Amino acid sequence: MEQKRWSGYSRYLVLCDKAGNKLSGNYYNYQDYQTVVSVIERLSKSDNTTYTYNDTIYNRKITASEATNIVTNLEVCKWAKVNEKIITVANQLGLRI
């Protein structure tokens, strides 16, 4: 099947495989992963030093260019060194991916 027809969860499972032991491949973690990706997408579009999530203000741990690279890699199911910053953001938000 063509990659553009994969579901979001299918893409997540492929990323889990490519990431080694960095991501867990269960559905509960996928739901948190979706939240983290939406935050990273917002970070890619702004240069503010802080951001909010659930009415809590956080200091930004990744740059806008890193966030843009992460989003681009995720769209094509590519795991690169910069993608490890997803885990940093997830830990900051208290989410498990």
N, C-alpha and C. Protein backbone atom coordinates (compact mmCIF):
# COMPACT_ATOMS: atom_id res chain seq x y z
N MET A 1 0.84 -1.17 0.00
CA MET A 1 0.00 0.00 0.00
C MET A 1 0.90 1.25 0.00
N GLU A 2 0.44 2.29 -0.67
CA GLU A 2 1.19 3.53 -0.75
C GLU A 2 1.26 4.19 0.62
N GLN A 3 2.37 4.81 0.90
CA GLN A 3 2.58 5.43 2.21
C GLN A 3 1.58 6.55 2.48
N LYS A 4 1.16 7.27 1.47
CA LYS A 4 0.23 8.37 1.68
C LYS A 4 -1.15 7.87 2.13
N ARG A 5 -1.42 6.59 1.98
CA ARG A 5 -2.71 6.03 2.38
C ARG A 5 -2.67 5.40 3.77
N TRP A 6 -1.50 5.41 4.43
CA TRP A 6 -1.38 4.83 5.76
C TRP A 6 -2.15 5.67 6.77
N SER A 7 -2.67 5.01 7.77
CA SER A 7 -3.32 5.74 8.87
C SER A 7 -2.24 6.36 9.75
N GLY A 8 -2.65 7.25 10.63
CA GLY A 8 -1.71 7.87 11.55
C GLY A 8 -1.04 6.86 12.46
N TYR A 9 -1.81 5.88 12.90
CA TYR A 9 -1.26 4.85 13.78
C TYR A 9 -0.26 3.98 13.02
N SER A 10 -0.53 3.70 11.76
CA SER A 10 0.41 2.92 10.96
C SER A 10 1.73 3.66 10.81
N ARG A 11 1.65 4.96 10.58
CA ARG A 11 2.87 5.77 10.48
C ARG A 11 3.64 5.73 11.80
N TYR A 12 2.91 5.80 12.90
CA TYR A 12 3.54 5.75 14.23
C TYR A 12 4.25 4.42 14.44
N LEU A 13 3.63 3.33 14.04
CA LEU A 13 4.26 2.02 14.19
C LEU A 13 5.54 1.90 13.36
N VAL A 14 5.53 2.46 12.16
CA VAL A 14 6.73 2.45 11.33
C VAL A 14 7.83 3.27 12.00
N LEU A 15 7.46 4.43 12.56
CA LEU A 15 8.44 5.25 13.26
C LEU A 15 9.00 4.52 14.48
N CYS A 16 8.15 3.81 15.20
CA CYS A 16 8.60 3.04 16.36
C CYS A 16 9.64 2.01 15.94
N ASP A 17 9.41 1.39 14.82
CA ASP A 17 10.35 0.40 14.32
C ASP A 17 11.67 1.05 13.94
N LYS A 18 11.61 2.19 13.28
CA LYS A 18 12.82 2.87 12.84
C LYS A 18 13.57 3.52 14.00
N ALA A 19 12.86 3.87 15.06
CA ALA A 19 13.47 4.56 16.20
C ALA A 19 14.14 3.60 17.17
N GLY A 20 13.98 2.32 16.97
CA GLY A 20 14.55 1.36 17.91
C GLY A 20 13.72 1.31 19.18
N ASN A 21 14.35 1.47 20.32
CA ASN A 21 13.64 1.41 21.61
C ASN A 21 13.23 2.77 22.13
N LYS A 22 13.26 3.79 21.30
CA LYS A 22 12.96 5.14 21.76
C LYS A 22 11.46 5.42 21.86
N LEU A 23 10.64 4.75 21.06
CA LEU A 23 9.19 4.93 21.09
C LEU A 23 8.53 3.60 21.40
N SER A 24 7.42 3.67 22.11
CA SER A 24 6.66 2.47 22.42
C SER A 24 5.52 2.34 21.41
N GLY A 25 5.27 1.16 20.92
CA GLY A 25 4.32 0.98 19.84
C GLY A 25 2.91 0.62 20.26
N ASN A 26 2.42 1.18 21.36
CA ASN A 26 1.03 0.87 21.73
C ASN A 26 0.12 2.06 21.46
N TYR A 27 -1.17 1.81 21.45
CA TYR A 27 -2.13 2.84 21.06
C TYR A 27 -2.22 3.97 22.08
N TYR A 28 -2.05 3.67 23.35
CA TYR A 28 -2.12 4.71 24.38
C TYR A 28 -0.99 5.72 24.18
N ASN A 29 0.19 5.23 23.89
CA ASN A 29 1.31 6.13 23.64
C ASN A 29 1.13 6.89 22.32
N TYR A 30 0.47 6.27 21.36
CA TYR A 30 0.19 6.95 20.10
C TYR A 30 -0.70 8.17 20.33
N GLN A 31 -1.66 8.06 21.23
CA GLN A 31 -2.52 9.20 21.53
C GLN A 31 -1.72 10.36 22.12
N ASP A 32 -0.78 10.06 23.01
CA ASP A 32 0.10 11.10 23.54
C ASP A 32 1.04 11.63 22.46
N TYR A 33 1.48 10.75 21.59
CA TYR A 33 2.34 11.14 20.47
C TYR A 33 1.63 12.18 19.60
N GLN A 34 0.36 11.99 19.34
CA GLN A 34 -0.40 12.95 18.54
C GLN A 34 -0.40 14.32 19.21
N THR A 35 -0.54 14.34 20.52
CA THR A 35 -0.53 15.61 21.25
C THR A 35 0.84 16.28 21.13
N VAL A 36 1.90 15.50 21.29
CA VAL A 36 3.25 16.04 21.20
C VAL A 36 3.51 16.58 19.81
N VAL A 37 3.08 15.88 18.79
CA VAL A 37 3.28 16.34 17.42
C VAL A 37 2.52 17.64 17.17
N SER A 38 1.33 17.79 17.72
CA SER A 38 0.59 19.04 17.54
C SER A 38 1.31 20.20 18.22
N VAL A 39 1.92 19.94 19.37
CA VAL A 39 2.70 20.98 20.04
C VAL A 39 3.92 21.33 19.21
N ILE A 40 4.60 20.33 18.67
CA ILE A 40 5.79 20.58 17.85
C ILE A 40 5.42 21.34 16.58
N GLU A 41 4.26 21.05 16.01
CA GLU A 41 3.81 21.80 14.84
C GLU A 41 3.61 23.27 15.18
N ARG A 42 3.06 23.54 16.37
CA ARG A 42 2.91 24.93 16.81
C ARG A 42 4.27 25.58 17.03
N LEU A 43 5.21 24.83 17.60
CA LEU A 43 6.55 25.37 17.83
C LEU A 43 7.27 25.68 16.53
N SER A 44 6.97 24.93 15.49
CA SER A 44 7.63 25.16 14.20
C SER A 44 7.17 26.47 13.55
N LYS A 45 6.06 26.99 14.01
CA LYS A 45 5.50 28.20 13.40
C LYS A 45 5.72 29.45 14.23
N SER A 46 6.47 29.34 15.34
CA SER A 46 6.70 30.54 16.15
C SER A 46 8.13 30.54 16.68
N ASP A 47 8.59 31.74 17.03
CA ASP A 47 9.93 31.89 17.58
C ASP A 47 9.89 32.33 19.04
N ASN A 48 8.73 32.23 19.68
CA ASN A 48 8.63 32.60 21.08
C ASN A 48 9.50 31.70 21.93
N THR A 49 9.95 32.19 23.07
CA THR A 49 10.80 31.39 23.95
C THR A 49 9.98 30.51 24.87
N THR A 50 8.67 30.73 24.92
CA THR A 50 7.79 29.91 25.74
C THR A 50 6.59 29.46 24.93
N TYR A 51 5.90 28.45 25.44
CA TYR A 51 4.64 27.99 24.83
C TYR A 51 3.74 27.47 25.94
N THR A 52 2.46 27.34 25.63
CA THR A 52 1.51 26.86 26.64
C THR A 52 0.92 25.52 26.21
N TYR A 53 0.64 24.71 27.21
CA TYR A 53 -0.05 23.45 27.01
C TYR A 53 -0.86 23.20 28.27
N ASN A 54 -2.16 22.99 28.12
CA ASN A 54 -3.08 22.79 29.25
C ASN A 54 -2.93 23.89 30.30
N ASP A 55 -2.90 25.13 29.84
CA ASP A 55 -2.81 26.31 30.71
C ASP A 55 -1.54 26.37 31.55
N THR A 56 -0.50 25.68 31.13
CA THR A 56 0.79 25.75 31.79
C THR A 56 1.80 26.31 30.80
N ILE A 57 2.64 27.21 31.26
CA ILE A 57 3.64 27.84 30.41
C ILE A 57 4.95 27.07 30.54
N TYR A 58 5.53 26.70 29.41
CA TYR A 58 6.78 25.95 29.37
C TYR A 58 7.83 26.74 28.61
N ASN A 59 9.08 26.61 29.05
CA ASN A 59 10.19 27.15 28.27
C ASN A 59 10.47 26.20 27.13
N ARG A 60 10.69 26.75 26.00
CA ARG A 60 10.89 25.99 24.78
C ARG A 60 12.23 25.26 24.82
N LYS A 61 12.24 23.98 24.47
CA LYS A 61 13.47 23.18 24.48
C LYS A 61 13.98 22.88 23.08
N ILE A 62 13.21 23.25 22.04
CA ILE A 62 13.67 23.05 20.66
C ILE A 62 13.44 24.34 19.88
N THR A 63 14.25 24.54 18.86
CA THR A 63 14.12 25.73 18.03
C THR A 63 13.04 25.52 16.97
N ALA A 64 12.66 26.60 16.32
CA ALA A 64 11.66 26.50 15.26
C ALA A 64 12.17 25.67 14.09
N SER A 65 13.45 25.79 13.77
CA SER A 65 14.00 25.02 12.65
C SER A 65 14.06 23.53 13.00
N GLU A 66 14.40 23.20 14.25
CA GLU A 66 14.38 21.79 14.66
C GLU A 66 12.96 21.24 14.59
N ALA A 67 12.00 22.03 15.05
CA ALA A 67 10.60 21.59 15.00
C ALA A 67 10.14 21.39 13.57
N THR A 68 10.53 22.27 12.67
CA THR A 68 10.18 22.12 11.26
C THR A 68 10.78 20.85 10.67
N ASN A 69 12.04 20.58 11.01
CA ASN A 69 12.70 19.36 10.52
C ASN A 69 12.00 18.12 11.06
N ILE A 70 11.59 18.16 12.32
CA ILE A 70 10.89 17.02 12.92
C ILE A 70 9.58 16.77 12.18
N VAL A 71 8.81 17.82 11.97
CA VAL A 71 7.52 17.68 11.29
C VAL A 71 7.72 17.12 9.89
N THR A 72 8.72 17.60 9.19
CA THR A 72 9.01 17.12 7.84
C THR A 72 9.38 15.64 7.86
N ASN A 73 10.23 15.25 8.82
CA ASN A 73 10.63 13.85 8.93
C ASN A 73 9.44 12.95 9.26
N LEU A 74 8.57 13.42 10.13
CA LEU A 74 7.42 12.61 10.52
C LEU A 74 6.45 12.38 9.36
N GLU A 75 6.34 13.37 8.49
CA GLU A 75 5.44 13.24 7.35
C GLU A 75 5.88 12.12 6.40
N VAL A 76 7.17 11.87 6.33
CA VAL A 76 7.68 10.83 5.43
C VAL A 76 8.14 9.59 6.20
N CYS A 77 7.80 9.52 7.49
CA CYS A 77 8.14 8.38 8.35
C CYS A 77 9.65 8.13 8.39
N LYS A 78 10.40 9.19 8.55
CA LYS A 78 11.85 9.10 8.62
C LYS A 78 12.28 9.39 10.06
N TRP A 79 13.18 8.56 10.59
CA TRP A 79 13.71 8.81 11.93
C TRP A 79 15.13 9.32 11.79
N ALA A 80 15.38 10.51 12.32
CA ALA A 80 16.70 11.12 12.28
C ALA A 80 17.08 11.55 13.70
N LYS A 81 18.30 11.97 13.86
CA LYS A 81 18.80 12.38 15.18
C LYS A 81 17.94 13.50 15.77
N VAL A 82 17.51 14.44 14.94
CA VAL A 82 16.70 15.56 15.43
C VAL A 82 15.35 15.09 15.98
N ASN A 83 14.86 13.96 15.51
CA ASN A 83 13.57 13.46 15.99
C ASN A 83 13.61 13.06 17.46
N GLU A 84 14.80 12.85 18.00
CA GLU A 84 14.90 12.50 19.41
C GLU A 84 14.43 13.64 20.31
N LYS A 85 14.35 14.84 19.75
CA LYS A 85 13.84 15.99 20.51
C LYS A 85 12.35 15.83 20.83
N ILE A 86 11.67 14.94 20.10
CA ILE A 86 10.26 14.65 20.40
C ILE A 86 10.16 14.13 21.83
N ILE A 87 11.09 13.30 22.21
CA ILE A 87 11.09 12.71 23.54
C ILE A 87 11.31 13.79 24.59
N THR A 88 12.17 14.76 24.29
CA THR A 88 12.41 15.87 25.20
C THR A 88 11.14 16.66 25.44
N VAL A 89 10.42 16.97 24.37
CA VAL A 89 9.17 17.72 24.50
C VAL A 89 8.12 16.89 25.24
N ALA A 90 8.03 15.60 24.93
CA ALA A 90 7.06 14.73 25.60
C ALA A 90 7.34 14.67 27.10
N ASN A 91 8.60 14.54 27.48
CA ASN A 91 8.95 14.51 28.89
C ASN A 91 8.62 15.83 29.58
N GLN A 92 8.84 16.92 28.89
CA GLN A 92 8.52 18.22 29.45
C GLN A 92 7.01 18.36 29.71
N LEU A 93 6.22 17.80 28.82
CA LEU A 93 4.76 17.87 28.97
C LEU A 93 4.20 16.80 29.88
N GLY A 94 5.03 15.84 30.26
CA GLY A 94 4.59 14.76 31.12
C GLY A 94 3.81 13.69 30.37
N LEU A 95 4.12 13.51 29.08
CA LEU A 95 3.43 12.54 28.25
C LEU A 95 4.39 11.41 27.88
N ARG A 96 3.85 10.22 27.69
CA ARG A 96 4.67 9.06 27.31
C ARG A 96 4.42 8.73 25.85
N ILE A 97 5.50 8.65 25.11
CA ILE A 97 5.37 8.25 23.71
C ILE A 97 6.22 7.04 23.50
